[in-house]
Amino acid sequence: MSDFQIRYGAEVAAALRTGRPVVACESTIVSHGLPRPDNLRVAREIERAVRNNGAVPATIGMVAGDIVVGLDDDQLTRLATSDTVVKLSVRDLAVAAARGADGATTVAATSAVAAAAGIGVFATGGLGGVHREAAQTFDESADLVTLARTPIAVVCAGVKSILDTGATLERLETLGVTVVGYRTRRFPGFFITDSGFELDWSVDSPEQVATTLAARAGQGVHSGAVIVANPLPPDEQLDPELHDRTLADGLARLDREGVTGKAVTPFLLAHFHSATAGASLAVNVRIILRNAALAARIAVAATTTAGEGGPDHGRHRTGRADG
């Protein structure tokens, strides 16, 4: 029987032990967020983008009940190709481990596991948030509450545009989660560059993000996440008119077909992929690759800051190394 400790890939374990920069990557985008066979190819490209920018990728998932920080290629392939992989938020981790499940970690679960492993930077596509009609359904992603209590920098392209962006930003403010725009004061809208919402703060370089993280650790006051909102350049976004039309059609289909809960996001993302003839998938891939590259540069800068007396992101790591 498993001892239920976090397992580490050999490269990630060595990087954490020696203080090299590490970037956490989620596995839900591999198992549930992208269609096959693109999902496995993109997962490898994400890891390559992290490496090309000076950091070690640590894709997180669950294999046969074990949380693994730093999936190897066989494990990544298993999660990308199996039909029995479950989607795991934080609340699901213990019961899934007890059942010996294969699972892909959401933003919330990946953030929590990464922080427990001593990894300070996480790259994803878009965050979960407050769903439309949440006033009636109370449907809100666990990402928000988890980020409020998890000390990690999350590089993303905002929240998925299928959500209520304004309400999500209000909740992040209420929960005390820091949000900064990367070279912008406008909050990105995932597929589109500008969601229409202003931000209070922006940063211009990975070093500024690293200094912010060092200040947070040094003050010892704020224990939550720092969200680094990294918009696509306007010439790489999905055509805004196509985006708005596709979103309206998708929301109407949701209502007609009675799709709710966890099924909403994959349903709408699949609708976008179909209705835009693959254009939204290409944008989605650009988003995650750009975020992975920026996260790696932030991790490198944060490691340099730590070497100069900043926070030691690896000091809380527990578990065992494999390989």
C-alpha atoms as a PDB file:
ATOM      1  CA  MET A   1       0.000   0.000   0.000  1.00  0.00           C
ATOM      2  CA  SER A   2       1.190   3.541  -0.774  1.00  0.00           C
ATOM      3  CA  ASP A   3       2.507   5.626   2.100  1.00  0.00           C
ATOM      4  CA  PHE A   4       0.645   8.576   0.482  1.00  0.00           C
ATOM      5  CA  GLN A   5       3.660  10.880   0.489  1.00  0.00           C
ATOM      6  CA  ILE A   6       4.301  13.175  -2.446  1.00  0.00           C
ATOM      7  CA  ARG A   7       6.647  11.539  -4.950  1.00  0.00           C
ATOM      8  CA  TYR A   8       9.201  13.512  -6.935  1.00  0.00           C
ATOM      9  CA  GLY A   9      10.661  12.894 -10.354  1.00  0.00           C
ATOM     10  CA  ALA A  10      14.427  12.520 -10.120  1.00  0.00           C
ATOM     11  CA  GLU A  11      15.197  15.752 -12.006  1.00  0.00           C
ATOM     12  CA  VAL A  12      12.767  17.813  -9.926  1.00  0.00           C
ATOM     13  CA  ALA A  13      14.042  16.330  -6.662  1.00  0.00           C
ATOM     14  CA  ALA A  14      17.616  17.199  -7.636  1.00  0.00           C
ATOM     15  CA  ALA A  15      16.625  20.719  -8.690  1.00  0.00           C
ATOM     16  CA  LEU A  16      14.832  21.409  -5.414  1.00  0.00           C
ATOM     17  CA  ARG A  17      17.715  19.954  -3.428  1.00  0.00           C
ATOM     18  CA  THR A  18      20.285  22.135  -5.168  1.00  0.00           C
ATOM     19  CA  GLY A  19      18.213  25.315  -5.432  1.00  0.00           C
ATOM     20  CA  ARG A  20      17.690  25.340  -9.197  1.00  0.00           C
ATOM     21  CA  PRO A  21      14.591  27.163 -10.524  1.00  0.00           C
ATOM     22  CA  VAL A  22      11.511  24.967 -10.904  1.00  0.00           C
ATOM     23  CA  VAL A  23       8.124  25.713 -12.490  1.00  0.00           C
ATOM     24  CA  ALA A  24       4.993  23.739 -11.634  1.00  0.00           C
ATOM     25  CA  CYS A  25       2.679  22.768 -14.509  1.00  0.00           C
ATOM     26  CA  GLU A  26      -0.837  21.376 -14.248  1.00  0.00           C
ATOM     27  CA  SER A  27      -1.990  18.103 -15.766  1.00  0.00           C
ATOM     28  CA  THR A  28      -5.688  18.918 -16.244  1.00  0.00           C
ATOM     29  CA  ILE A  29      -4.848  20.792 -19.427  1.00  0.00           C
ATOM     30  CA  VAL A  30      -3.314  17.526 -20.666  1.00  0.00           C
ATOM     31  CA  SER A  31      -6.130  15.161 -19.694  1.00  0.00           C
ATOM     32  CA  HIS A  32      -9.226  17.367 -19.919  1.00  0.00           C
ATOM     33  CA  GLY A  33      -8.329  20.715 -21.475  1.00  0.00           C
ATOM     34  CA  LEU A  34      -6.986  19.806 -24.915  1.00  0.00           C
ATOM     35  CA  PRO A  35      -8.159  17.264 -27.511  1.00  0.00           C
ATOM     36  CA  ARG A  36      -6.151  14.168 -28.382  1.00  0.00           C
ATOM     37  CA  PRO A  37      -3.553  13.800 -29.785  1.00  0.00           C
ATOM     38  CA  ASP A  38      -2.679  17.498 -29.434  1.00  0.00           C
ATOM     39  CA  ASN A  39      -2.730  17.235 -25.644  1.00  0.00           C
ATOM     40  CA  LEU A  40       0.395  15.100 -25.297  1.00  0.00           C
ATOM     41  CA  ARG A  41       2.319  17.072 -27.893  1.00  0.00           C
ATOM     42  CA  VAL A  42       1.448  20.359 -26.174  1.00  0.00           C
ATOM     43  CA  ALA A  43       2.329  18.942 -22.733  1.00  0.00           C
ATOM     44  CA  ARG A  44       5.807  18.180 -24.021  1.00  0.00           C
ATOM     45  CA  GLU A  45       6.036  21.617 -25.636  1.00  0.00           C
ATOM     46  CA  ILE A  46       5.113  23.252 -22.316  1.00  0.00           C
ATOM     47  CA  GLU A  47       7.939  21.432 -20.565  1.00  0.00           C
ATOM     48  CA  ARG A  48      10.306  22.367 -23.401  1.00  0.00           C
ATOM     49  CA  ALA A  49       9.335  26.055 -23.066  1.00  0.00           C
ATOM     50  CA  VAL A  50      10.189  25.936 -19.368  1.00  0.00           C
ATOM     51  CA  ARG A  51      13.558  24.309 -20.065  1.00  0.00           C
ATOM     52  CA  ASN A  52      14.385  26.731 -22.879  1.00  0.00           C
ATOM     53  CA  ASN A  53      13.975  29.598 -20.430  1.00  0.00           C
ATOM     54  CA  GLY A  54      16.264  28.209 -17.764  1.00  0.00           C
ATOM     55  CA  ALA A  55      14.034  26.283 -15.349  1.00  0.00           C
ATOM     56  CA  VAL A  56      13.061  22.683 -14.627  1.00  0.00           C
ATOM     57  CA  PRO A  57       9.440  21.724 -15.409  1.00  0.00           C
ATOM     58  CA  ALA A  58       7.481  19.893 -12.721  1.00  0.00           C
ATOM     59  CA  THR A  59       4.222  18.664 -14.210  1.00  0.00           C
ATOM     60  CA  ILE A  60       2.009  17.507 -11.343  1.00  0.00           C
ATOM     61  CA  GLY A  61      -0.530  14.686 -11.402  1.00  0.00           C
ATOM     62  CA  MET A  62      -1.631  11.500  -9.673  1.00  0.00           C
ATOM     63  CA  VAL A  63      -0.564   8.053 -10.866  1.00  0.00           C
ATOM     64  CA  ALA A  64      -2.060   4.966  -9.205  1.00  0.00           C
ATOM     65  CA  GLY A  65      -2.889   6.972  -6.094  1.00  0.00           C
ATOM     66  CA  ASP A  66       0.494   8.719  -5.773  1.00  0.00           C
ATOM     67  CA  ILE A  67       0.821  12.471  -6.195  1.00  0.00           C
ATOM     68  CA  VAL A  68       3.817  12.956  -8.478  1.00  0.00           C
ATOM     69  CA  VAL A  69       5.693  16.243  -8.784  1.00  0.00           C
ATOM     70  CA  GLY A  70       7.613  15.915 -12.027  1.00  0.00           C
ATOM     71  CA  LEU A  71       5.807  13.336 -14.162  1.00  0.00           C
ATOM     72  CA  ASP A  72       8.104  11.419 -16.479  1.00  0.00           C
ATOM     73  CA  ASP A  73       7.151  10.938 -20.126  1.00  0.00           C
ATOM     74  CA  ASP A  74       5.523   7.542 -19.557  1.00  0.00           C
ATOM     75  CA  GLN A  75       3.385   8.976 -16.749  1.00  0.00           C
ATOM     76  CA  LEU A  76       2.515  12.018 -18.842  1.00  0.00           C
ATOM     77  CA  THR A  77       1.469   9.731 -21.691  1.00  0.00           C
ATOM     78  CA  ARG A  78      -0.656   7.675 -19.315  1.00  0.00           C
ATOM     79  CA  LEU A  79      -2.586  10.738 -18.143  1.00  0.00           C
ATOM     80  CA  ALA A  80      -2.914  12.065 -21.692  1.00  0.00           C
ATOM     81  CA  THR A  81      -4.281   8.884 -23.252  1.00  0.00           C
ATOM     82  CA  SER A  82      -6.322   7.091 -20.583  1.00  0.00           C
ATOM     83  CA  ASP A  83     -10.110   7.388 -20.426  1.00  0.00           C
ATOM     84  CA  THR A  84     -10.197   6.829 -16.655  1.00  0.00           C
ATOM     85  CA  VAL A  85      -8.235   9.887 -15.492  1.00  0.00           C
ATOM     86  CA  VAL A  86     -10.260  11.868 -12.956  1.00  0.00           C
ATOM     87  CA  LYS A  87     -10.132  15.644 -12.522  1.00  0.00           C
ATOM     88  CA  LEU A  88      -8.722  16.435  -9.086  1.00  0.00           C
ATOM     89  CA  SER A  89      -9.226  19.570  -7.061  1.00  0.00           C
ATOM     90  CA  VAL A  90      -7.736  19.910  -3.574  1.00  0.00           C
ATOM     91  CA  ARG A  91     -10.726  18.267  -1.900  1.00  0.00           C
ATOM     92  CA  ASP A  92     -10.325  15.170  -4.103  1.00  0.00           C
ATOM     93  CA  LEU A  93      -6.659  14.396  -3.475  1.00  0.00           C
ATOM     94  CA  ALA A  94      -6.979  12.229  -0.369  1.00  0.00           C
ATOM     95  CA  VAL A  95      -9.920  10.119  -1.505  1.00  0.00           C
ATOM     96  CA  ALA A  96      -8.396   9.642  -4.965  1.00  0.00           C
ATOM     97  CA  ALA A  97      -5.142   8.506  -3.359  1.00  0.00           C
ATOM     98  CA  ALA A  98      -7.009   6.066  -1.144  1.00  0.00           C
ATOM     99  CA  ARG A  99      -8.738   4.655  -4.239  1.00  0.00           C
ATOM    100  CA  GLY A 100      -5.467   4.319  -6.173  1.00  0.00           C
ATOM    101  CA  ALA A 101      -6.747   6.584  -8.939  1.00  0.00           C
ATOM    102  CA  ASP A 102      -5.063   8.181 -11.894  1.00  0.00           C
ATOM    103  CA  GLY A 103      -5.816  11.887 -11.728  1.00  0.00           C
ATOM    104  CA  ALA A 104      -5.071  15.237 -13.300  1.00  0.00           C
ATOM    105  CA  THR A 105      -4.677  18.213 -10.992  1.00  0.00           C
ATOM    106  CA  THR A 106      -6.602  21.455 -11.478  1.00  0.00           C
ATOM    107  CA  VAL A 107      -5.172  24.923 -10.870  1.00  0.00           C
ATOM    108  CA  ALA A 108      -6.227  24.662  -7.218  1.00  0.00           C
ATOM    109  CA  ALA A 109      -4.718  21.230  -6.636  1.00  0.00           C
ATOM    110  CA  THR A 110      -1.556  21.984  -8.614  1.00  0.00           C
ATOM    111  CA  SER A 111      -1.012  25.205  -6.652  1.00  0.00           C
ATOM    112  CA  ALA A 112      -1.494  23.478  -3.309  1.00  0.00           C
ATOM    113  CA  VAL A 113       0.781  20.550  -4.166  1.00  0.00           C
ATOM    114  CA  ALA A 114       3.443  22.821  -5.661  1.00  0.00           C
ATOM    115  CA  ALA A 115       3.507  25.007  -2.558  1.00  0.00           C
ATOM    116  CA  ALA A 116       3.758  21.933  -0.332  1.00  0.00           C
ATOM    117  CA  ALA A 117       6.674  20.781  -2.484  1.00  0.00           C
ATOM    118  CA  GLY A 118       8.492  24.081  -2.104  1.00  0.00           C
ATOM    119  CA  ILE A 119       7.874  25.287  -5.669  1.00  0.00           C
ATOM    120  CA  GLY A 120       7.174  29.007  -5.844  1.00  0.00           C
ATOM    121  CA  VAL A 121       6.067  29.524  -9.467  1.00  0.00           C
ATOM    122  CA  PHE A 122       3.257  27.881 -11.443  1.00  0.00           C
ATOM    123  CA  ALA A 123       2.340  28.286 -15.124  1.00  0.00           C
ATOM    124  CA  THR A 124      -1.186  27.707 -16.367  1.00  0.00           C
ATOM    125  CA  GLY A 125      -3.495  28.908 -19.129  1.00  0.00           C
ATOM    126  CA  GLY A 126      -6.449  30.573 -17.428  1.00  0.00           C
ATOM    127  CA  LEU A 127      -7.786  30.480 -13.889  1.00  0.00           C
ATOM    128  CA  GLY A 128     -11.172  29.259 -12.797  1.00  0.00           C
ATOM    129  CA  GLY A 129     -13.448  31.815 -11.210  1.00  0.00           C
ATOM    130  CA  VAL A 130     -16.998  32.895 -10.564  1.00  0.00           C
ATOM    131  CA  HIS A 131     -19.392  31.353 -13.065  1.00  0.00           C
ATOM    132  CA  ARG A 132     -22.093  33.306 -14.807  1.00  0.00           C
ATOM    133  CA  GLU A 133     -25.389  33.069 -12.916  1.00  0.00           C
ATOM    134  CA  ALA A 134     -23.433  32.402  -9.721  1.00  0.00           C
ATOM    135  CA  ALA A 135     -25.916  34.551  -7.810  1.00  0.00           C
ATOM    136  CA  GLN A 136     -28.396  31.710  -8.333  1.00  0.00           C
ATOM    137  CA  THR A 137     -26.083  28.684  -8.504  1.00  0.00           C
ATOM    138  CA  PHE A 138     -23.274  29.699  -6.100  1.00  0.00           C
ATOM    139  CA  ASP A 139     -20.939  28.133  -8.683  1.00  0.00           C
ATOM    140  CA  GLU A 140     -17.414  29.348  -8.022  1.00  0.00           C
ATOM    141  CA  SER A 141     -14.129  27.613  -8.747  1.00  0.00           C
ATOM    142  CA  ALA A 142     -12.101  26.271  -5.842  1.00  0.00           C
ATOM    143  CA  ASP A 143      -9.135  28.016  -7.492  1.00  0.00           C
ATOM    144  CA  LEU A 144     -10.040  31.301  -5.819  1.00  0.00           C
ATOM    145  CA  VAL A 145     -10.168  30.174  -2.188  1.00  0.00           C
ATOM    146  CA  THR A 146      -7.124  27.955  -2.652  1.00  0.00           C
ATOM    147  CA  LEU A 147      -5.078  30.811  -4.081  1.00  0.00           C
ATOM    148  CA  ALA A 148      -6.079  32.968  -1.115  1.00  0.00           C
ATOM    149  CA  ARG A 149      -4.145  30.639   1.199  1.00  0.00           C
ATOM    150  CA  THR A 150      -1.384  29.350  -1.072  1.00  0.00           C
ATOM    151  CA  PRO A 151       1.941  31.219  -1.345  1.00  0.00           C
ATOM    152  CA  ILE A 152       2.710  30.799  -5.024  1.00  0.00           C
ATOM    153  CA  ALA A 153       3.100  32.979  -8.115  1.00  0.00           C
ATOM    154  CA  VAL A 154       0.656  31.945 -10.835  1.00  0.00           C
ATOM    155  CA  VAL A 155       1.305  33.056 -14.397  1.00  0.00           C
ATOM    156  CA  CYS A 156      -1.924  32.993 -16.403  1.00  0.00           C
ATOM    157  CA  ALA A 157      -3.858  34.794 -19.139  1.00  0.00           C
ATOM    158  CA  GLY A 158      -6.522  35.932 -16.696  1.00  0.00           C
ATOM    159  CA  VAL A 159      -9.629  33.872 -16.090  1.00  0.00           C
ATOM    160  CA  LYS A 160     -11.345  31.894 -18.782  1.00  0.00           C
ATOM    161  CA  SER A 161     -13.603  34.258 -20.715  1.00  0.00           C
ATOM    162  CA  ILE A 162     -16.531  31.876 -20.303  1.00  0.00           C
ATOM    163  CA  LEU A 163     -16.686  33.051 -16.653  1.00  0.00           C
ATOM    164  CA  ASP A 164     -17.877  36.249 -14.991  1.00  0.00           C
ATOM    165  CA  THR A 165     -14.620  38.199 -15.066  1.00  0.00           C
ATOM    166  CA  GLY A 166     -15.834  41.184 -13.062  1.00  0.00           C
ATOM    167  CA  ALA A 167     -17.245  39.042 -10.264  1.00  0.00           C
ATOM    168  CA  THR A 168     -14.058  36.961 -10.219  1.00  0.00           C
ATOM    169  CA  LEU A 169     -11.878  40.040  -9.768  1.00  0.00           C
ATOM    170  CA  GLU A 170     -14.148  41.210  -6.963  1.00  0.00           C
ATOM    171  CA  ARG A 171     -13.791  37.834  -5.230  1.00  0.00           C
ATOM    172  CA  LEU A 172     -10.017  37.879  -5.631  1.00  0.00           C
ATOM    173  CA  GLU A 173      -9.947  41.315  -4.006  1.00  0.00           C
ATOM    174  CA  THR A 174     -12.162  40.130  -1.149  1.00  0.00           C
ATOM    175  CA  LEU A 175      -9.955  37.075  -0.629  1.00  0.00           C
ATOM    176  CA  GLY A 176      -6.804  39.203  -0.558  1.00  0.00           C
ATOM    177  CA  VAL A 177      -5.208  37.675  -3.641  1.00  0.00           C
ATOM    178  CA  THR A 178      -2.648  39.943  -5.317  1.00  0.00           C
ATOM    179  CA  VAL A 179      -3.214  40.496  -9.053  1.00  0.00           C
ATOM    180  CA  VAL A 180      -0.647  42.266 -11.228  1.00  0.00           C
ATOM    181  CA  GLY A 181      -0.631  42.739 -14.975  1.00  0.00           C
ATOM    182  CA  TYR A 182       2.519  41.841 -16.849  1.00  0.00           C
ATOM    183  CA  ARG A 183       3.393  44.982 -18.807  1.00  0.00           C
ATOM    184  CA  THR A 184      -0.254  46.036 -18.727  1.00  0.00           C
ATOM    185  CA  ARG A 185      -2.838  47.624 -16.445  1.00  0.00           C
ATOM    186  CA  ARG A 186      -5.674  45.791 -18.215  1.00  0.00           C
ATOM    187  CA  PHE A 187      -6.799  42.347 -17.086  1.00  0.00           C
ATOM    188  CA  PRO A 188      -6.584  39.854 -19.969  1.00  0.00           C
ATOM    189  CA  GLY A 189      -9.581  37.842 -21.094  1.00  0.00           C
ATOM    190  CA  PHE A 190      -7.871  34.526 -21.864  1.00  0.00           C
ATOM    191  CA  PHE A 191      -8.680  34.143 -25.586  1.00  0.00           C
ATOM    192  CA  ILE A 192      -8.695  37.936 -25.949  1.00  0.00           C
ATOM    193  CA  THR A 193      -6.093  40.474 -24.887  1.00  0.00           C
ATOM    194  CA  ASP A 194      -8.336  42.783 -22.858  1.00  0.00           C
ATOM    195  CA  SER A 195     -11.295  41.676 -20.727  1.00  0.00           C
ATOM    196  CA  GLY A 196     -12.377  45.278 -20.218  1.00  0.00           C
ATOM    197  CA  PHE A 197     -11.274  45.500 -16.573  1.00  0.00           C
ATOM    198  CA  GLU A 198      -8.584  47.735 -15.088  1.00  0.00           C
ATOM    199  CA  LEU A 199      -5.857  46.537 -12.709  1.00  0.00           C
ATOM    200  CA  ASP A 200      -4.315  48.490  -9.850  1.00  0.00           C
ATOM    201  CA  TRP A 201      -0.784  47.173 -10.361  1.00  0.00           C
ATOM    202  CA  SER A 202       1.525  46.115 -13.146  1.00  0.00           C
ATOM    203  CA  VAL A 203       5.070  44.751 -13.383  1.00  0.00           C
ATOM    204  CA  ASP A 204       7.480  45.141 -16.264  1.00  0.00           C
ATOM    205  CA  SER A 205       9.955  42.294 -15.816  1.00  0.00           C
ATOM    206  CA  PRO A 206      10.474  38.873 -14.234  1.00  0.00           C
ATOM    207  CA  GLU A 207      12.811  40.574 -11.773  1.00  0.00           C
ATOM    208  CA  GLN A 208      10.006  42.846 -10.573  1.00  0.00           C
ATOM    209  CA  VAL A 209       7.836  39.795  -9.939  1.00  0.00           C
ATOM    210  CA  ALA A 210      10.699  38.139  -8.045  1.00  0.00           C
ATOM    211  CA  THR A 211      11.170  41.247  -5.914  1.00  0.00           C
ATOM    212  CA  THR A 212       7.444  41.260  -5.153  1.00  0.00           C
ATOM    213  CA  LEU A 213       7.641  37.633  -4.020  1.00  0.00           C
ATOM    214  CA  ALA A 214      10.669  38.419  -1.862  1.00  0.00           C
ATOM    215  CA  ALA A 215       8.820  41.361  -0.292  1.00  0.00           C
ATOM    216  CA  ARG A 216       5.813  39.168   0.463  1.00  0.00           C
ATOM    217  CA  ALA A 217       8.014  36.562   2.151  1.00  0.00           C
ATOM    218  CA  GLY A 218      10.057  39.138   4.018  1.00  0.00           C
ATOM    219  CA  GLN A 219       7.031  40.945   5.404  1.00  0.00           C
ATOM    220  CA  GLY A 220       5.432  37.720   6.607  1.00  0.00           C
ATOM    221  CA  VAL A 221       1.975  39.294   6.328  1.00  0.00           C
ATOM    222  CA  HIS A 222       0.458  37.992   3.087  1.00  0.00           C
ATOM    223  CA  SER A 223       0.251  34.220   2.685  1.00  0.00           C
ATOM    224  CA  GLY A 224      -1.723  34.047  -0.543  1.00  0.00           C
ATOM    225  CA  ALA A 225      -0.901  33.843  -4.217  1.00  0.00           C
ATOM    226  CA  VAL A 226       0.414  36.500  -6.555  1.00  0.00           C
ATOM    227  CA  ILE A 227      -1.378  36.267  -9.898  1.00  0.00           C
ATOM    228  CA  VAL A 228       0.706  37.489 -12.837  1.00  0.00           C
ATOM    229  CA  ALA A 229      -1.770  38.225 -15.627  1.00  0.00           C
ATOM    230  CA  ASN A 230       0.057  37.836 -18.936  1.00  0.00           C
ATOM    231  CA  PRO A 231      -2.069  38.897 -21.935  1.00  0.00           C
ATOM    232  CA  LEU A 232      -1.580  37.726 -25.469  1.00  0.00           C
ATOM    233  CA  PRO A 233      -0.392  40.424 -27.878  1.00  0.00           C
ATOM    234  CA  PRO A 234      -3.384  41.772 -29.841  1.00  0.00           C
ATOM    235  CA  ASP A 235      -2.155  40.183 -33.068  1.00  0.00           C
ATOM    236  CA  GLU A 236      -2.179  36.730 -31.414  1.00  0.00           C
ATOM    237  CA  GLN A 237      -5.604  36.862 -29.752  1.00  0.00           C
ATOM    238  CA  LEU A 238      -8.776  35.240 -31.030  1.00  0.00           C
ATOM    239  CA  ASP A 239     -10.757  37.661 -33.169  1.00  0.00           C
ATOM    240  CA  PRO A 240     -12.900  39.499 -30.566  1.00  0.00           C
ATOM    241  CA  GLU A 241     -16.053  39.445 -32.694  1.00  0.00           C
ATOM    242  CA  LEU A 242     -15.680  35.715 -33.306  1.00  0.00           C
ATOM    243  CA  HIS A 243     -15.018  35.244 -29.588  1.00  0.00           C
ATOM    244  CA  ASP A 244     -18.162  37.094 -28.488  1.00  0.00           C
ATOM    245  CA  ARG A 245     -20.373  35.310 -31.008  1.00  0.00           C
ATOM    246  CA  THR A 246     -18.999  31.892 -30.094  1.00  0.00           C
ATOM    247  CA  LEU A 247     -19.387  32.564 -26.379  1.00  0.00           C
ATOM    248  CA  ALA A 248     -23.018  33.637 -26.764  1.00  0.00           C
ATOM    249  CA  ASP A 249     -23.799  30.501 -28.780  1.00  0.00           C
ATOM    250  CA  GLY A 250     -22.018  28.288 -26.250  1.00  0.00           C
ATOM    251  CA  LEU A 251     -23.875  29.753 -23.286  1.00  0.00           C
ATOM    252  CA  ALA A 252     -27.165  29.188 -25.079  1.00  0.00           C
ATOM    253  CA  ARG A 253     -26.214  25.545 -25.680  1.00  0.00           C
ATOM    254  CA  LEU A 254     -25.328  25.138 -22.010  1.00  0.00           C
ATOM    255  CA  ASP A 255     -28.794  26.242 -21.045  1.00  0.00           C
ATOM    256  CA  ARG A 256     -30.524  24.059 -23.614  1.00  0.00           C
ATOM    257  CA  GLU A 257     -28.559  20.938 -22.720  1.00  0.00           C
ATOM    258  CA  GLY A 258     -28.584  21.469 -18.956  1.00  0.00           C
ATOM    259  CA  VAL A 259     -24.811  21.274 -18.533  1.00  0.00           C
ATOM    260  CA  THR A 260     -23.696  22.255 -15.014  1.00  0.00           C
ATOM    261  CA  GLY A 261     -20.844  21.974 -12.497  1.00  0.00           C
ATOM    262  CA  LYS A 262     -17.495  20.527 -13.509  1.00  0.00           C
ATOM    263  CA  ALA A 263     -18.766  19.806 -16.999  1.00  0.00           C
ATOM    264  CA  VAL A 264     -19.265  23.479 -17.908  1.00  0.00           C
ATOM    265  CA  THR A 265     -15.663  24.467 -18.645  1.00  0.00           C
ATOM    266  CA  PRO A 266     -14.689  21.473 -20.831  1.00  0.00           C
ATOM    267  CA  PHE A 267     -18.058  21.742 -22.628  1.00  0.00           C
ATOM    268  CA  LEU A 268     -17.534  25.396 -23.501  1.00  0.00           C
ATOM    269  CA  LEU A 269     -13.877  24.947 -24.447  1.00  0.00           C
ATOM    270  CA  ALA A 270     -14.873  22.092 -26.785  1.00  0.00           C
ATOM    271  CA  HIS A 271     -17.580  24.323 -28.245  1.00  0.00           C
ATOM    272  CA  PHE A 272     -15.028  27.069 -28.879  1.00  0.00           C
ATOM    273  CA  HIS A 273     -12.704  24.591 -30.585  1.00  0.00           C
ATOM    274  CA  SER A 274     -15.479  23.314 -32.853  1.00  0.00           C
ATOM    275  CA  ALA A 275     -17.151  26.638 -33.604  1.00  0.00           C
ATOM    276  CA  THR A 276     -13.893  28.444 -34.426  1.00  0.00           C
ATOM    277  CA  ALA A 277     -12.571  25.595 -36.585  1.00  0.00           C
ATOM    278  CA  GLY A 278      -9.616  25.122 -34.282  1.00  0.00           C
ATOM    279  CA  ALA A 279      -8.626  28.793 -34.013  1.00  0.00           C
ATOM    280  CA  SER A 280      -9.350  28.858 -30.270  1.00  0.00           C
ATOM    281  CA  LEU A 281      -7.167  25.776 -29.753  1.00  0.00           C
ATOM    282  CA  ALA A 282      -4.257  27.494 -31.469  1.00  0.00           C
ATOM    283  CA  VAL A 283      -4.771  30.526 -29.218  1.00  0.00           C
ATOM    284  CA  ASN A 284      -5.005  28.292 -26.140  1.00  0.00           C
ATOM    285  CA  VAL A 285      -1.678  26.682 -27.017  1.00  0.00           C
ATOM    286  CA  ARG A 286      -0.026  30.078 -27.558  1.00  0.00           C
ATOM    287  CA  ILE A 287      -1.309  31.184 -24.148  1.00  0.00           C
ATOM    288  CA  ILE A 288       0.129  28.282 -22.179  1.00  0.00           C
ATOM    289  CA  LEU A 289       3.473  28.301 -24.010  1.00  0.00           C
ATOM    290  CA  ARG A 290       3.934  32.039 -23.433  1.00  0.00           C
ATOM    291  CA  ASN A 291       2.972  31.621 -19.776  1.00  0.00           C
ATOM    292  CA  ALA A 292       5.354  28.699 -19.319  1.00  0.00           C
ATOM    293  CA  ALA A 293       8.218  30.750 -20.751  1.00  0.00           C
ATOM    294  CA  LEU A 294       7.445  33.750 -18.533  1.00  0.00           C
ATOM    295  CA  ALA A 295       7.032  31.542 -15.449  1.00  0.00           C
ATOM    296  CA  ALA A 296      10.457  30.037 -16.088  1.00  0.00           C
ATOM    297  CA  ARG A 297      12.048  33.483 -16.315  1.00  0.00           C
ATOM    298  CA  ILE A 298      10.332  34.476 -13.057  1.00  0.00           C
ATOM    299  CA  ALA A 299      11.567  31.281 -11.382  1.00  0.00           C
ATOM    300  CA  VAL A 300      15.114  32.035 -12.522  1.00  0.00           C
ATOM    301  CA  ALA A 301      14.857  35.593 -11.191  1.00  0.00           C
ATOM    302  CA  ALA A 302      13.342  34.365  -7.917  1.00  0.00           C
ATOM    303  CA  THR A 303      16.170  31.872  -7.465  1.00  0.00           C
ATOM    304  CA  THR A 304      18.694  34.690  -7.919  1.00  0.00           C
ATOM    305  CA  THR A 305      16.787  36.793  -5.386  1.00  0.00           C
ATOM    306  CA  ALA A 306      16.745  33.879  -2.949  1.00  0.00           C
ATOM    307  CA  GLY A 307      20.494  33.518  -3.368  1.00  0.00           C
ATOM    308  CA  GLU A 308      20.842  37.151  -2.374  1.00  0.00           C
ATOM    309  CA  GLY A 309      18.944  36.588   0.855  1.00  0.00           C
ATOM    310  CA  GLY A 310      15.373  36.227  -0.383  1.00  0.00           C
ATOM    311  CA  PRO A 311      12.918  33.420   0.372  1.00  0.00           C
ATOM    312  CA  ASP A 312      14.009  29.794   0.268  1.00  0.00           C
ATOM    313  CA  HIS A 313      11.177  28.212  -1.717  1.00  0.00           C
ATOM    314  CA  GLY A 314      12.503  24.690  -1.192  1.00  0.00           C
ATOM    315  CA  ARG A 315      12.601  24.536   2.565  1.00  0.00           C
ATOM    316  CA  HIS A 316       9.189  22.943   3.115  1.00  0.00           C
ATOM    317  CA  ARG A 317       9.586  20.021   0.702  1.00  0.00           C
ATOM    318  CA  THR A 318       8.587  16.615   2.047  1.00  0.00           C
ATOM    319  CA  GLY A 319       8.111  13.243   0.429  1.00  0.00           C
ATOM    320  CA  ARG A 320      10.347  10.957  -1.567  1.00  0.00           C
ATOM    321  CA  ALA A 321      12.246  11.027  -4.823  1.00  0.00           C
ATOM    322  CA  ASP A 322      11.914   8.366  -7.486  1.00  0.00           C
ATOM    323  CA  GLY A 323      14.290   7.406 -10.219  1.00  0.00           C
END
